Amino acid sequence: MLLATRIVALAALLSLAACTPMPHPAAPSPPPVATAGQRAPITVLVSIDAFRPDYRGHGLTPNLDAIAAQGLSGTMTPSFPTLTFPNHYAMATGLRPDRNGIVENKMRDPARPDGLFESKEKSSADPFWWDQAEPIWVTAEKAGIRTGILFYPGSDRAIRGTRPGIWLPFDGAITSEQRIDFLLDWARRPAPDRPRFLSVYFDAVDKAGHAHGAGAPETDAAIREVDSAIGRLRREFAAMGQPINLLVVSDHGLGTIPPEHVLPLANIVDRSVMDVMTAGGPAISVWPKPGQEAKVAAMLLRPHPHLQCWRREDLPARFHYGHNPRVPPFYCVVQDRGWIYVDKVVTTTVGDHGYDNENPDMTALFLATGPAFPKKATLPKFDNVDVYPLLRELIGLPPQPDIDGTVAPFRGLARP
């Protein structure tokens, strides 16, 4: 009853905001409106937060396995740091976090010393944080290509003065099946109002993985839920005669941490002399309080179990991280798989991400199928910023110079 009340209230609010109405989950499917030959393909980007590629192939993902059997499959190296908002914006802009400006899930900027970006708070809606780069839905809208973006991180913000043509404010209570209802509704619109680029974000696997770790029954149930939703998306699009070029990606993987590998963050930080941007985990970012840099350096730069800390300017070059002023002066990363530092030591197995982006547990998923992908192929591992130039080709945007991504991994395999 609570969920139904929230959905009705959300629909009324969005009607006033001139976004898009909420479809009733139980509404019957409309009759076929066109044949495949009458409809141009829609490009659909599906993001599954924290979905490890090795979740596939074990009986949990028949629909994702079918996509891999028909089209392209592969794995991606996420951008550093391996966090949700930086990596989603990297795939949406073709720029690594150091260049796209979303350097962490929680960050500050010396240009706005009293401000703070927190991914789950209202502060993240301020365009100031997003305008260092332009996501693909903004570029598409400016080019006259209509988009419908559901819950993809950053899509409910006005970036450089533009939002997606159709969008909704994030609401985690909207189920995976209801998210598919939205995309189906948008795809059924008359041609002048029908988006050519759609995207949807699923967070169920990430939530379960954080709480229980990879391989837990709860995580397996979330994997089945999302896989089922994607299967329904494909079936319903086929039934309406709507061809799609479907890309399924994840932002990063997940590491599983047993309780005996959880260490107290207080062992390495002193909040009286430093501001810690997170409550711990595999990555710890630190801003010294005024006049305390020497003390902070002495505390952090000494050896710590399973952990390495650097000054911003000394971060490894392969991270491509540390030139943006939003990157904290000190950054620490757990070096060993399956260990974390946290404020509150837990007594159960959990999951987390934020490790080195070359950590095998952080590897991200990539799948693609549709008329633009006529060949079945397994791709060598590539960087996730390469998703962006592929999307540009699929939706009809010209190549973008001066980005970090390249279409090279897809040459000879994609036919926009």
Protein backbone atom coordinates (compact mmCIF):
# COMPACT_ATOMS: atom_id res chain seq x y z
CA MET A 1 0.00 0.00 0.00
CA LEU A 2 2.87 2.36 0.80
CA LEU A 3 4.47 1.75 -2.62
CA ALA A 4 1.19 2.37 -4.44
CA THR A 5 0.73 5.64 -2.57
CA ARG A 6 4.22 6.78 -3.50
CA ILE A 7 3.68 5.91 -7.16
CA VAL A 8 0.41 7.85 -7.36
CA ALA A 9 1.96 10.87 -5.65
CA LEU A 10 5.00 10.74 -7.93
CA ALA A 11 2.82 10.62 -11.03
CA ALA A 12 0.92 13.73 -9.96
CA LEU A 13 4.11 15.62 -9.22
CA LEU A 14 5.69 14.72 -12.53
CA SER A 15 2.60 15.76 -14.45
CA LEU A 16 2.96 19.23 -12.99
CA ALA A 17 6.67 19.22 -13.82
CA ALA A 18 5.91 18.35 -17.46
CA CYS A 19 8.09 15.28 -17.35
CA THR A 20 6.15 12.09 -18.01
CA PRO A 21 3.20 10.35 -16.36
CA MET A 22 3.56 7.15 -14.37
CA PRO A 23 2.17 4.12 -16.23
CA HIS A 24 0.00 1.77 -14.19
CA PRO A 25 2.02 -1.43 -13.71
CA ALA A 26 -1.07 -3.58 -14.38
CA ALA A 27 -2.13 -1.79 -17.57
CA PRO A 28 -2.77 -4.19 -20.48
CA SER A 29 -0.41 -4.13 -23.41
CA PRO A 30 -1.75 -2.09 -26.35
CA PRO A 31 -2.28 -3.74 -29.73
CA PRO A 32 0.65 -3.83 -32.15
CA VAL A 33 1.23 -0.40 -33.64
CA ALA A 34 3.75 -1.06 -36.40
CA THR A 35 5.92 -3.65 -38.05
CA ALA A 36 9.66 -3.79 -37.52
CA GLY A 37 10.19 -2.40 -41.00
CA GLN A 38 8.26 0.75 -40.13
CA ARG A 39 10.24 1.57 -37.01
CA ALA A 40 13.84 2.69 -36.82
CA PRO A 41 15.91 0.95 -34.13
CA ILE A 42 16.02 2.52 -30.68
CA THR A 43 19.32 2.39 -28.83
CA VAL A 44 18.80 1.17 -25.26
CA LEU A 45 21.50 1.35 -22.58
CA VAL A 46 20.85 -0.79 -19.50
CA SER A 47 23.10 -0.29 -16.48
CA ILE A 48 23.21 -2.86 -13.68
CA ASP A 49 25.06 -1.42 -10.70
CA ALA A 50 27.82 -3.68 -9.31
CA PHE A 51 27.07 -6.60 -11.63
CA ARG A 52 30.13 -8.84 -11.85
CA PRO A 53 30.60 -10.54 -15.24
CA ASP A 54 31.01 -13.88 -13.47
CA TYR A 55 27.43 -13.64 -12.19
CA ARG A 56 26.48 -14.88 -15.67
CA GLY A 57 26.51 -18.47 -16.80
CA HIS A 58 25.39 -20.18 -13.59
CA GLY A 59 21.69 -20.59 -14.23
CA LEU A 60 20.74 -17.19 -12.79
CA THR A 61 20.82 -15.18 -16.02
CA PRO A 62 19.16 -16.96 -18.95
CA ASN A 63 18.27 -13.66 -20.64
CA LEU A 64 21.73 -12.12 -20.34
CA ASP A 65 23.23 -15.41 -21.47
CA ALA A 66 20.97 -15.31 -24.54
CA ILE A 67 22.25 -11.83 -25.40
CA ALA A 68 25.85 -13.05 -25.12
CA ALA A 69 25.03 -16.01 -27.35
CA GLN A 70 23.63 -13.72 -30.07
CA GLY A 71 25.82 -10.63 -30.08
CA LEU A 72 28.84 -9.09 -28.42
CA SER A 73 30.06 -9.99 -24.96
CA GLY A 74 33.07 -8.86 -23.00
CA THR A 75 34.40 -7.24 -19.89
CA MET A 76 35.48 -3.71 -19.12
CA THR A 77 38.05 -2.09 -16.88
CA PRO A 78 36.17 0.52 -14.86
CA SER A 79 37.58 3.98 -14.40
CA PHE A 80 39.32 4.83 -11.14
CA PRO A 81 37.89 5.22 -8.55
CA THR A 82 35.59 2.21 -8.87
CA LEU A 83 32.53 4.03 -7.54
CA THR A 84 29.03 4.39 -8.97
CA PHE A 85 28.71 8.05 -9.92
CA PRO A 86 32.24 8.52 -11.35
CA ASN A 87 31.91 5.43 -13.56
CA HIS A 88 28.41 6.13 -14.79
CA TYR A 89 29.48 9.63 -15.78
CA ALA A 90 32.60 8.20 -17.46
CA MET A 91 30.45 5.97 -19.68
CA ALA A 92 28.04 8.86 -20.37
CA THR A 93 30.77 11.36 -21.33
CA GLY A 94 33.72 9.33 -22.63
CA LEU A 95 35.89 11.10 -20.05
CA ARG A 96 37.50 9.54 -17.00
CA PRO A 97 36.48 10.99 -13.62
CA ASP A 98 39.53 13.24 -13.42
CA ARG A 99 38.22 15.01 -16.55
CA ASN A 100 34.45 14.66 -16.20
CA GLY A 101 34.43 16.27 -12.75
CA ILE A 102 32.53 13.57 -10.86
CA VAL A 103 35.61 12.29 -9.07
CA GLU A 104 33.84 10.56 -6.17
CA ASN A 105 30.40 9.76 -4.77
CA LYS A 106 31.11 12.38 -2.09
CA MET A 107 33.42 15.29 -2.87
CA ARG A 108 34.27 18.91 -2.34
CA ASP A 109 35.66 21.63 -4.59
CA PRO A 110 38.11 24.35 -3.47
CA ALA A 111 36.15 26.77 -5.69
CA ARG A 112 33.16 26.25 -3.41
CA PRO A 113 34.69 25.57 0.02
CA ASP A 114 31.33 25.58 1.82
CA GLY A 115 29.72 23.13 -0.61
CA LEU A 116 29.67 19.35 -0.62
CA PHE A 117 28.56 16.88 -3.28
CA GLU A 118 26.88 13.77 -1.91
CA SER A 119 25.42 11.37 -4.45
CA LYS A 120 22.28 10.55 -2.45
CA GLU A 121 21.56 14.08 -1.25
CA LYS A 122 19.94 17.16 -2.79
CA SER A 123 23.38 18.79 -2.99
CA SER A 124 24.17 16.60 -6.01
CA ALA A 125 21.45 18.33 -8.07
CA ASP A 126 23.44 21.56 -8.32
CA PRO A 127 24.63 21.96 -11.95
CA PHE A 128 27.95 23.27 -10.60
CA TRP A 129 29.08 19.71 -9.97
CA TRP A 130 28.10 18.30 -13.37
CA ASP A 131 29.01 20.98 -15.88
CA GLN A 132 32.66 20.01 -16.35
CA ALA A 133 31.45 17.48 -18.95
CA GLU A 134 28.43 16.96 -21.18
CA PRO A 135 26.65 13.58 -21.00
CA ILE A 136 25.38 11.94 -24.15
CA TRP A 137 21.70 12.64 -23.49
CA VAL A 138 22.43 16.38 -23.33
CA THR A 139 24.42 16.27 -26.58
CA ALA A 140 21.66 14.24 -28.22
CA GLU A 141 18.90 16.62 -27.14
CA LYS A 142 20.87 19.59 -28.46
CA ALA A 143 21.18 17.75 -31.79
CA GLY A 144 17.44 17.14 -31.95
CA ILE A 145 17.61 13.46 -30.91
CA ARG A 146 14.94 12.75 -28.30
CA THR A 147 16.02 10.78 -25.23
CA GLY A 148 14.31 9.05 -22.33
CA ILE A 149 16.60 8.38 -19.36
CA LEU A 150 15.36 6.58 -16.26
CA PHE A 151 17.42 6.87 -13.08
CA TYR A 152 20.84 6.80 -14.79
CA PRO A 153 23.06 8.76 -12.37
CA GLY A 154 23.03 12.44 -13.30
CA SER A 155 20.04 12.22 -15.63
CA ASP A 156 17.63 14.01 -13.29
CA ARG A 157 19.85 17.09 -13.16
CA ALA A 158 19.90 20.03 -15.55
CA ILE A 159 23.41 19.79 -17.03
CA ARG A 160 24.60 22.74 -19.09
CA GLY A 161 20.99 23.87 -19.05
CA THR A 162 19.52 20.70 -20.59
CA ARG A 163 17.76 17.59 -19.29
CA PRO A 164 16.72 14.42 -21.13
CA GLY A 165 13.54 14.80 -23.17
CA ILE A 166 11.85 12.39 -20.72
CA TRP A 167 13.15 11.75 -17.23
CA LEU A 168 12.13 11.03 -13.63
CA PRO A 169 13.71 11.94 -10.29
CA PHE A 170 15.32 8.88 -8.77
CA ASP A 171 13.09 6.76 -6.54
CA GLY A 172 14.57 3.54 -5.23
CA ALA A 173 11.08 2.23 -4.39
CA ILE A 174 10.30 1.81 -8.09
CA THR A 175 10.83 -1.89 -8.80
CA SER A 176 12.84 -3.36 -11.64
CA GLU A 177 9.64 -4.44 -13.43
CA GLN A 178 8.12 -0.97 -13.07
CA ARG A 179 11.25 0.54 -14.56
CA ILE A 180 10.68 -1.61 -17.63
CA ASP A 181 7.07 -0.34 -17.73
CA PHE A 182 8.40 3.18 -18.17
CA LEU A 183 10.66 2.29 -21.08
CA LEU A 184 7.88 0.38 -22.80
CA ASP A 185 5.52 3.32 -22.39
CA TRP A 186 8.07 5.72 -23.87
CA ALA A 187 8.77 3.38 -26.80
CA ARG A 188 5.05 3.15 -27.59
CA ARG A 189 4.70 6.88 -28.11
CA PRO A 190 3.97 8.27 -31.59
CA ALA A 191 7.04 8.65 -33.77
CA PRO A 192 7.49 12.44 -33.24
CA ASP A 193 7.59 11.93 -29.46
CA ARG A 194 9.34 8.55 -29.39
CA PRO A 195 12.90 8.62 -28.00
CA ARG A 196 15.70 7.31 -30.17
CA PHE A 197 17.88 6.73 -27.12
CA LEU A 198 16.64 5.12 -23.91
CA SER A 199 18.48 4.19 -20.75
CA VAL A 200 17.52 2.55 -17.47
CA TYR A 201 19.49 1.98 -14.26
CA PHE A 202 19.03 -1.01 -11.95
CA ASP A 203 20.36 -0.88 -8.38
CA ALA A 204 18.91 -4.11 -6.92
CA VAL A 205 22.10 -6.16 -7.42
CA ASP A 206 24.25 -3.44 -5.85
CA LYS A 207 22.01 -3.17 -2.78
CA ALA A 208 21.96 -6.91 -2.20
CA GLY A 209 25.68 -7.26 -2.87
CA HIS A 210 26.61 -4.56 -0.36
CA ALA A 211 24.46 -6.13 2.33
CA HIS A 212 25.34 -9.79 1.76
CA GLY A 213 28.28 -10.14 -0.66
CA ALA A 214 28.59 -12.00 -3.95
CA GLY A 215 27.14 -15.51 -3.97
CA ALA A 216 24.64 -14.86 -1.18
CA PRO A 217 21.04 -16.05 -1.76
CA GLU A 218 19.82 -12.46 -1.54
CA THR A 219 22.29 -11.33 -4.20
CA ASP A 220 21.35 -14.26 -6.44
CA ALA A 221 17.67 -13.28 -6.10
CA ALA A 222 18.46 -9.71 -7.18
CA ILE A 223 20.41 -11.04 -10.18
CA ARG A 224 17.41 -13.14 -11.22
CA GLU A 225 15.11 -10.14 -10.78
CA VAL A 226 17.11 -7.88 -13.08
CA ASP A 227 17.74 -10.62 -15.63
CA SER A 228 13.99 -11.29 -15.79
CA ALA A 229 13.26 -7.58 -16.29
CA ILE A 230 15.72 -7.39 -19.20
CA GLY A 231 14.17 -10.48 -20.76
CA ARG A 232 10.73 -8.90 -20.56
CA LEU A 233 12.08 -5.71 -22.12
CA ARG A 234 13.29 -7.65 -25.16
CA ARG A 235 10.08 -9.66 -25.51
CA GLU A 236 7.80 -6.63 -25.27
CA PHE A 237 9.86 -4.64 -27.76
CA ALA A 238 9.74 -7.56 -30.19
CA ALA A 239 5.97 -7.88 -29.71
CA MET A 240 5.41 -4.23 -30.64
CA GLY A 241 7.65 -4.54 -33.69
CA GLN A 242 10.28 -2.20 -32.25
CA PRO A 243 13.89 -3.19 -33.08
CA ILE A 244 16.48 -2.20 -30.49
CA ASN A 245 20.22 -2.01 -30.26
CA LEU A 246 20.59 -3.12 -26.66
CA LEU A 247 23.72 -2.52 -24.57
CA VAL A 248 23.93 -3.99 -21.07
CA VAL A 249 26.75 -2.68 -18.86
CA SER A 250 27.79 -2.45 -15.25
CA ASP A 251 29.73 0.37 -13.64
CA HIS A 252 32.06 -1.90 -11.67
CA GLY A 253 32.10 -5.25 -9.92
CA LEU A 254 32.00 -6.14 -6.23
CA GLY A 255 34.39 -7.56 -3.70
CA THR A 256 33.20 -9.89 -0.95
CA ILE A 257 34.52 -9.17 2.54
CA PRO A 258 34.26 -11.72 5.35
CA PRO A 259 33.85 -10.26 8.87
CA GLU A 260 37.40 -11.16 9.89
CA HIS A 261 38.71 -8.85 7.11
CA VAL A 262 36.91 -5.74 8.36
CA LEU A 263 39.28 -3.31 10.11
CA PRO A 264 38.47 -0.18 12.16
CA LEU A 265 38.99 3.06 10.26
CA ALA A 266 40.02 4.73 13.52
CA ASN A 267 43.29 2.78 13.28
CA ILE A 268 44.48 5.02 10.45
CA VAL A 269 42.57 8.33 10.63
CA ASP A 270 42.15 11.08 13.22
CA ARG A 271 39.11 13.21 12.46
CA SER A 272 40.37 16.00 14.70
CA VAL A 273 43.00 16.87 12.06
CA MET A 274 41.33 15.64 8.85
CA ASP A 275 38.00 15.43 7.05
CA VAL A 276 37.30 11.93 5.77
CA MET A 277 34.91 11.95 2.81
CA THR A 278 33.62 8.41 3.38
CA ALA A 279 32.78 6.15 6.28
CA GLY A 280 35.50 3.88 5.01
CA GLY A 281 35.63 0.95 2.62
CA PRO A 282 38.30 0.00 0.07
CA ALA A 283 38.99 3.69 -0.73
CA ILE A 284 39.48 6.49 1.78
CA SER A 285 39.74 10.13 0.70
CA VAL A 286 41.08 12.74 3.09
CA TRP A 287 41.19 16.54 3.25
CA PRO A 288 43.49 17.89 6.00
CA LYS A 289 42.02 20.54 8.23
CA PRO A 290 43.73 23.97 7.92
CA GLY A 291 47.32 23.83 9.12
CA GLN A 292 47.25 20.07 9.69
CA GLU A 293 48.73 18.76 6.45
CA ALA A 294 52.04 17.68 8.01
CA LYS A 295 50.27 15.70 10.73
CA VAL A 296 47.97 14.08 8.22
CA ALA A 297 50.89 13.13 5.98
CA ALA A 298 52.74 11.57 8.92
CA MET A 299 49.68 9.52 9.84
CA LEU A 300 48.65 8.34 6.39
CA LEU A 301 51.90 7.89 4.49
CA ARG A 302 53.38 5.37 6.90
CA PRO A 303 52.74 1.63 6.31
CA HIS A 304 49.27 0.26 7.10
CA PRO A 305 47.99 -3.32 6.89
CA HIS A 306 46.54 -4.03 3.42
CA LEU A 307 46.43 -0.30 2.58
CA GLN A 308 48.43 2.20 0.52
CA CYS A 309 48.04 5.98 0.83
CA TRP A 310 49.36 8.67 -1.53
CA ARG A 311 49.45 12.41 -1.85
CA ARG A 312 47.24 13.46 -4.74
CA GLU A 313 50.22 14.34 -6.94
CA ASP A 314 51.85 10.94 -6.30
CA LEU A 315 48.93 8.71 -7.30
CA PRO A 316 49.94 6.05 -9.87
CA ALA A 317 49.76 7.40 -13.42
CA ARG A 318 47.68 4.42 -14.56
CA PHE A 319 44.80 5.69 -12.41
CA HIS A 320 44.52 8.78 -14.65
CA TYR A 321 43.50 10.54 -11.46
CA GLY A 322 44.78 13.45 -9.41
CA HIS A 323 44.78 16.54 -11.65
CA ASN A 324 41.23 17.67 -10.95
CA PRO A 325 41.14 20.01 -7.92
CA ARG A 326 38.22 18.01 -6.57
CA VAL A 327 40.48 15.00 -5.99
CA PRO A 328 41.36 15.07 -2.27
CA PRO A 329 44.92 15.89 -1.20
CA PHE A 330 45.36 12.36 0.21
CA TYR A 331 43.88 9.16 -1.17
CA CYS A 332 44.14 5.63 0.24
CA VAL A 333 43.22 2.34 -1.45
CA VAL A 334 43.09 -1.15 0.03
CA GLN A 335 45.62 -3.28 -1.87
CA ASP A 336 44.42 -6.76 -0.95
CA ARG A 337 41.20 -8.31 -2.21
CA GLY A 338 38.50 -8.81 0.40
CA TRP A 339 39.65 -6.27 3.03
CA ILE A 340 38.11 -2.95 4.07
CA TYR A 341 38.42 -0.25 6.72
CA VAL A 342 35.13 1.07 8.15
CA ASP A 343 33.83 3.26 10.97
CA LYS A 344 31.54 0.54 12.27
CA VAL A 345 33.04 -2.94 12.24
CA VAL A 346 30.46 -5.46 11.00
CA THR A 347 30.13 -9.09 12.03
CA THR A 348 28.68 -10.49 8.79
CA THR A 349 29.96 -10.97 5.26
CA VAL A 350 29.40 -7.87 3.10
CA GLY A 351 30.34 -6.60 -0.34
CA ASP A 352 32.01 -3.39 -1.48
CA HIS A 353 33.71 -1.65 -4.39
CA GLY A 354 36.24 1.16 -4.62
CA TYR A 355 39.34 -0.99 -4.99
CA ASP A 356 42.07 -0.55 -7.60
CA ASN A 357 40.36 -0.61 -10.99
CA GLU A 358 42.66 -3.46 -12.06
CA ASN A 359 41.44 -5.61 -9.17
CA PRO A 360 39.70 -8.59 -10.85
CA ASP A 361 36.69 -8.21 -8.54
CA MET A 362 36.05 -4.73 -9.98
CA THR A 363 35.74 -5.91 -13.61
CA ALA A 364 32.56 -4.64 -15.31
CA LEU A 365 30.08 -6.31 -17.67
CA PHE A 366 29.46 -5.51 -21.35
CA LEU A 367 26.88 -7.10 -23.64
CA ALA A 368 25.35 -5.86 -26.91
CA THR A 369 22.80 -7.21 -29.36
CA GLY A 370 20.54 -5.89 -32.12
CA PRO A 371 20.63 -4.99 -35.81
CA ALA A 372 23.81 -2.94 -35.31
CA PHE A 373 25.63 -6.05 -34.03
CA PRO A 374 25.20 -8.71 -36.72
CA LYS A 375 28.13 -10.84 -35.57
CA LYS A 376 28.61 -12.88 -32.42
CA ALA A 377 31.97 -12.08 -30.83
CA THR A 378 33.78 -12.07 -27.53
CA LEU A 379 35.71 -8.84 -27.08
CA PRO A 380 39.10 -8.41 -25.43
CA LYS A 381 38.83 -6.41 -22.22
CA PHE A 382 38.51 -2.66 -22.84
CA ASP A 383 38.08 0.58 -20.86
CA ASN A 384 34.54 1.62 -19.96
CA VAL A 385 34.99 5.09 -21.50
CA ASP A 386 34.80 3.31 -24.86
CA VAL A 387 31.05 2.86 -24.38
CA TYR A 388 30.47 6.56 -25.08
CA PRO A 389 31.83 6.79 -28.65
CA LEU A 390 29.95 3.57 -29.51
CA LEU A 391 26.71 5.15 -28.28
CA ARG A 392 27.39 8.24 -30.35
CA GLU A 393 27.65 6.15 -33.49
CA LEU A 394 24.51 4.16 -32.69
CA ILE A 395 22.30 7.21 -32.17
CA GLY A 396 23.74 9.20 -35.07
CA LEU A 397 26.05 11.72 -33.44
CA PRO A 398 29.37 12.56 -35.13
CA PRO A 399 32.64 11.45 -33.53
CA GLN A 400 33.71 13.56 -30.56
CA PRO A 401 37.36 14.66 -30.42
CA ASP A 402 39.33 15.03 -27.22
CA ILE A 403 37.72 12.22 -25.24
CA ASP A 404 39.34 9.32 -23.42
CA GLY A 405 37.27 6.64 -25.15
CA THR A 406 37.64 5.04 -28.58
CA VAL A 407 35.46 2.91 -30.87
CA ALA A 408 38.46 0.70 -31.68
CA PRO A 409 37.19 -2.32 -29.64
CA PHE A 410 34.06 -2.45 -31.84
CA ARG A 411 35.56 -1.93 -35.32
CA GLY A 412 34.18 -4.49 -37.74
CA LEU A 413 31.64 -5.64 -35.14
CA ALA A 414 29.20 -2.72 -34.99
CA ARG A 415 27.14 -1.43 -37.90
CA PRO A 416 25.30 1.77 -36.88
